[in-house]
N, C-alpha and C. Protein backbone atom coordinates (compact mmCIF):
# COMPACT_ATOMS: atom_id res chain seq x y z
N MET A 1 -32.31 -80.85 -30.37
CA MET A 1 -31.54 -81.63 -31.08
C MET A 1 -31.91 -83.19 -30.61
N SER A 2 -32.16 -84.24 -31.36
CA SER A 2 -32.74 -85.33 -31.29
C SER A 2 -31.49 -86.20 -30.49
N ILE A 3 -31.78 -87.17 -29.72
CA ILE A 3 -31.10 -88.05 -29.19
C ILE A 3 -30.05 -88.94 -30.10
N ALA A 4 -30.69 -89.26 -31.29
CA ALA A 4 -29.65 -89.71 -31.97
C ALA A 4 -28.53 -88.96 -32.34
N ILE A 5 -28.72 -87.58 -32.84
CA ILE A 5 -27.72 -86.61 -33.25
C ILE A 5 -26.98 -86.44 -32.22
N SER A 6 -27.40 -86.44 -31.10
CA SER A 6 -26.49 -86.06 -29.75
C SER A 6 -25.51 -86.95 -29.26
N THR A 7 -26.21 -88.35 -29.69
CA THR A 7 -25.30 -89.55 -29.27
C THR A 7 -23.93 -89.55 -30.63
N ALA A 8 -24.61 -89.40 -31.93
CA ALA A 8 -23.71 -89.45 -32.73
C ALA A 8 -22.61 -88.59 -32.89
N LEU A 9 -22.80 -87.36 -32.18
CA LEU A 9 -21.90 -86.23 -32.07
C LEU A 9 -21.13 -86.70 -30.95
N SER A 10 -21.51 -87.18 -29.82
CA SER A 10 -20.39 -87.74 -28.85
C SER A 10 -19.54 -88.65 -29.64
N ALA A 11 -20.10 -89.62 -30.28
CA ALA A 11 -19.19 -90.57 -30.73
C ALA A 11 -18.35 -90.12 -31.89
N LEU A 12 -18.43 -88.84 -32.47
CA LEU A 12 -17.62 -88.37 -33.48
C LEU A 12 -16.44 -87.78 -32.63
N GLN A 13 -16.74 -87.33 -31.65
CA GLN A 13 -15.89 -86.57 -30.71
C GLN A 13 -14.93 -87.78 -30.03
N GLY A 14 -15.58 -88.87 -29.79
CA GLY A 14 -14.71 -89.89 -29.42
C GLY A 14 -13.64 -90.46 -30.51
N SER A 15 -14.37 -90.57 -31.43
CA SER A 15 -13.59 -90.92 -32.78
C SER A 15 -12.25 -90.19 -32.98
N LEU A 16 -12.52 -88.84 -33.05
CA LEU A 16 -11.37 -87.83 -33.21
C LEU A 16 -10.39 -87.91 -32.10
N ALA A 17 -10.78 -88.25 -30.67
CA ALA A 17 -9.72 -88.37 -29.52
C ALA A 17 -9.02 -89.89 -30.12
N GLN A 18 -9.56 -90.76 -30.31
CA GLN A 18 -9.08 -92.14 -30.80
C GLN A 18 -7.97 -91.97 -31.82
N PHE A 19 -8.44 -91.21 -32.85
CA PHE A 19 -7.43 -90.86 -34.12
C PHE A 19 -6.27 -90.21 -33.51
N ASP A 20 -6.59 -88.90 -32.82
CA ASP A 20 -5.47 -88.27 -32.49
C ASP A 20 -4.56 -89.10 -31.48
N ALA A 21 -4.93 -90.15 -30.60
CA ALA A 21 -4.23 -90.98 -30.14
C ALA A 21 -3.12 -92.28 -30.91
N SER A 22 -4.04 -92.24 -32.23
CA SER A 22 -3.41 -93.28 -32.91
C SER A 22 -2.22 -92.61 -33.63
N ALA A 23 -2.66 -91.56 -34.16
CA ALA A 23 -1.62 -90.66 -34.71
C ALA A 23 -0.27 -90.22 -33.78
N ALA A 24 -0.52 -90.06 -32.75
CA ALA A 24 0.60 -89.90 -31.73
C ALA A 24 1.59 -91.14 -31.84
N LYS A 25 0.79 -92.29 -31.75
CA LYS A 25 1.43 -93.67 -31.69
C LYS A 25 2.25 -93.84 -32.85
N ILE A 26 1.85 -93.32 -34.18
CA ILE A 26 2.63 -93.59 -35.20
C ILE A 26 3.80 -92.69 -34.96
N ALA A 27 3.54 -91.46 -34.74
CA ALA A 27 4.63 -90.22 -34.66
C ALA A 27 5.80 -90.97 -33.75
N ASN A 28 5.46 -91.36 -32.39
CA ASN A 28 6.58 -91.97 -31.60
C ASN A 28 6.86 -93.33 -31.94
N SER A 29 6.53 -93.80 -32.86
CA SER A 29 7.13 -95.32 -33.31
C SER A 29 8.22 -95.28 -33.83
N VAL A 30 9.01 -94.23 -34.21
CA VAL A 30 10.43 -94.14 -34.99
C VAL A 30 11.09 -94.31 -33.85
N VAL A 31 11.96 -95.36 -33.72
CA VAL A 31 13.12 -95.36 -32.63
C VAL A 31 14.52 -95.73 -33.35
N ASP A 32 15.46 -94.64 -32.87
CA ASP A 32 16.98 -94.77 -33.35
C ASP A 32 16.87 -95.20 -35.18
N GLY A 33 16.04 -94.39 -35.61
CA GLY A 33 16.30 -94.54 -37.04
C GLY A 33 15.30 -95.64 -38.05
N GLY A 34 14.84 -96.57 -36.85
CA GLY A 34 14.11 -97.64 -37.36
C GLY A 34 12.43 -97.44 -36.95
N VAL A 35 11.61 -98.22 -37.43
CA VAL A 35 10.36 -98.16 -37.31
C VAL A 35 9.87 -99.36 -36.72
N SER A 36 9.30 -99.40 -35.46
CA SER A 36 8.62 -100.51 -34.91
C SER A 36 7.50 -101.13 -35.31
N ALA A 37 6.97 -102.05 -34.87
CA ALA A 37 5.74 -102.73 -35.60
C ALA A 37 4.39 -102.16 -35.38
N ASP A 38 4.63 -101.02 -34.35
CA ASP A 38 3.21 -100.51 -33.86
C ASP A 38 2.88 -99.69 -34.82
N PRO A 39 3.09 -98.87 -35.80
CA PRO A 39 2.67 -98.01 -36.81
C PRO A 39 1.63 -99.07 -37.67
N LEU A 40 2.14 -100.33 -37.84
CA LEU A 40 0.92 -100.85 -38.48
C LEU A 40 -0.57 -100.97 -38.02
N HIS A 41 -0.34 -101.49 -36.57
CA HIS A 41 -1.71 -101.78 -35.69
C HIS A 41 -2.21 -100.22 -35.80
N ALA A 42 -1.50 -99.06 -35.39
CA ALA A 42 -2.07 -97.94 -35.56
C ALA A 42 -2.74 -97.53 -36.63
N LEU A 43 -2.22 -97.61 -37.90
CA LEU A 43 -3.00 -97.41 -39.17
C LEU A 43 -4.36 -98.35 -39.13
N ILE A 44 -4.23 -99.75 -38.86
CA ILE A 44 -5.33 -100.23 -38.94
C ILE A 44 -6.42 -99.62 -37.85
N ASP A 45 -5.84 -99.33 -36.61
CA ASP A 45 -6.98 -98.72 -35.95
C ASP A 45 -7.61 -97.62 -36.34
N GLN A 46 -6.79 -96.87 -37.30
CA GLN A 46 -7.35 -95.47 -38.12
C GLN A 46 -8.40 -95.77 -39.06
N LEU A 47 -8.12 -97.14 -39.69
CA LEU A 47 -9.18 -97.30 -40.72
C LEU A 47 -10.54 -97.68 -39.84
N GLN A 48 -10.09 -98.38 -38.56
CA GLN A 48 -11.60 -98.77 -38.20
C GLN A 48 -12.14 -97.50 -37.33
N ILE A 49 -11.24 -96.50 -36.92
CA ILE A 49 -11.94 -95.38 -36.60
C ILE A 49 -12.53 -94.44 -37.85
N LYS A 50 -11.86 -94.48 -38.88
CA LYS A 50 -12.43 -93.94 -40.00
C LYS A 50 -13.82 -94.40 -40.17
N GLN A 51 -14.04 -95.87 -40.21
CA GLN A 51 -15.39 -96.48 -40.43
C GLN A 51 -16.53 -95.86 -39.63
N ALA A 52 -15.90 -95.83 -38.31
CA ALA A 52 -17.05 -95.42 -37.23
C ALA A 52 -17.43 -94.31 -37.03
N PHE A 53 -16.33 -93.15 -37.64
CA PHE A 53 -16.69 -92.01 -37.84
C PHE A 53 -17.71 -91.51 -38.95
N GLN A 54 -17.57 -92.25 -40.25
CA GLN A 54 -18.23 -92.28 -41.32
C GLN A 54 -19.64 -92.84 -40.89
N ALA A 55 -19.70 -93.74 -40.11
CA ALA A 55 -21.13 -94.27 -39.95
C ALA A 55 -21.81 -93.37 -39.27
N ASN A 56 -21.21 -92.59 -37.81
CA ASN A 56 -22.08 -91.82 -37.14
C ASN A 56 -22.13 -90.53 -37.74
N ALA A 57 -21.57 -89.87 -38.77
CA ALA A 57 -21.89 -88.91 -39.68
C ALA A 57 -23.22 -89.58 -40.30
N ALA A 58 -23.13 -90.67 -40.90
CA ALA A 58 -24.24 -91.14 -41.63
C ALA A 58 -25.50 -91.15 -40.84
N VAL A 59 -25.44 -91.60 -39.39
CA VAL A 59 -26.71 -91.25 -38.47
C VAL A 59 -27.04 -90.07 -38.14
N ILE A 60 -26.20 -88.96 -38.26
CA ILE A 60 -26.61 -87.60 -38.14
C ILE A 60 -27.52 -87.11 -39.37
N GLN A 61 -26.89 -87.38 -40.57
CA GLN A 61 -27.41 -87.08 -41.78
C GLN A 61 -28.89 -87.93 -42.20
N THR A 62 -29.00 -88.96 -41.57
CA THR A 62 -30.37 -89.78 -41.60
C THR A 62 -30.98 -89.22 -40.77
N SER A 63 -30.90 -88.88 -39.64
CA SER A 63 -31.93 -88.17 -38.65
C SER A 63 -32.09 -86.64 -39.14
N LEU A 64 -31.24 -85.87 -39.53
CA LEU A 64 -31.62 -84.65 -40.27
C LEU A 64 -32.82 -84.82 -41.31
N ASP A 65 -32.37 -85.65 -42.12
CA ASP A 65 -33.31 -86.07 -43.02
C ASP A 65 -34.62 -86.47 -42.75
N MET A 66 -34.74 -87.38 -41.87
CA MET A 66 -36.01 -87.87 -40.98
C MET A 66 -36.78 -86.57 -40.36
N GLU A 67 -36.10 -85.75 -39.71
CA GLU A 67 -36.54 -84.54 -39.12
C GLU A 67 -37.05 -83.73 -40.23
N ASN A 68 -36.53 -83.42 -41.12
CA ASN A 68 -37.06 -82.47 -42.34
C ASN A 68 -38.14 -83.21 -43.11
N SER A 69 -38.08 -84.37 -43.15
CA SER A 69 -39.41 -85.20 -43.74
C SER A 69 -40.48 -84.88 -42.77
N SER A 70 -40.29 -85.01 -41.73
CA SER A 70 -41.55 -84.88 -40.44
C SER A 70 -41.88 -83.45 -40.59
N PHE A 71 -41.13 -82.72 -40.42
CA PHE A 71 -41.39 -80.94 -40.61
C PHE A 71 -42.37 -80.72 -42.18
N GLN A 72 -41.81 -81.61 -43.21
CA GLN A 72 -42.61 -81.22 -44.62
C GLN A 72 -43.88 -81.71 -44.54
N LEU A 73 -44.04 -82.92 -43.73
CA LEU A 73 -45.52 -83.40 -43.54
C LEU A 73 -46.29 -82.51 -42.77
N TRP A 74 -45.85 -81.86 -41.90
CA TRP A 74 -46.84 -81.19 -40.98
C TRP A 74 -46.87 -79.65 -41.70
N ALA A 75 -46.17 -79.43 -42.66
CA ALA A 75 -46.34 -78.01 -42.96
C ALA A 75 -47.41 -77.83 -44.12
């Protein structure tokens, strides 16, 4: 496994943990039938986490494409 893939996988795991924490903030934000201001910030966090996740997934795909191209050159 390449360093790029290993690093991106680690970042994906971090993104999942951040998303879980953000979801918990949203779930815990309902107080006495009302909603606090925190869900808005948590949703914004989730959008940023989504972007980071997609970027790291693209790194993995690009790295795999490059490895496949390298193998095809040597075959």
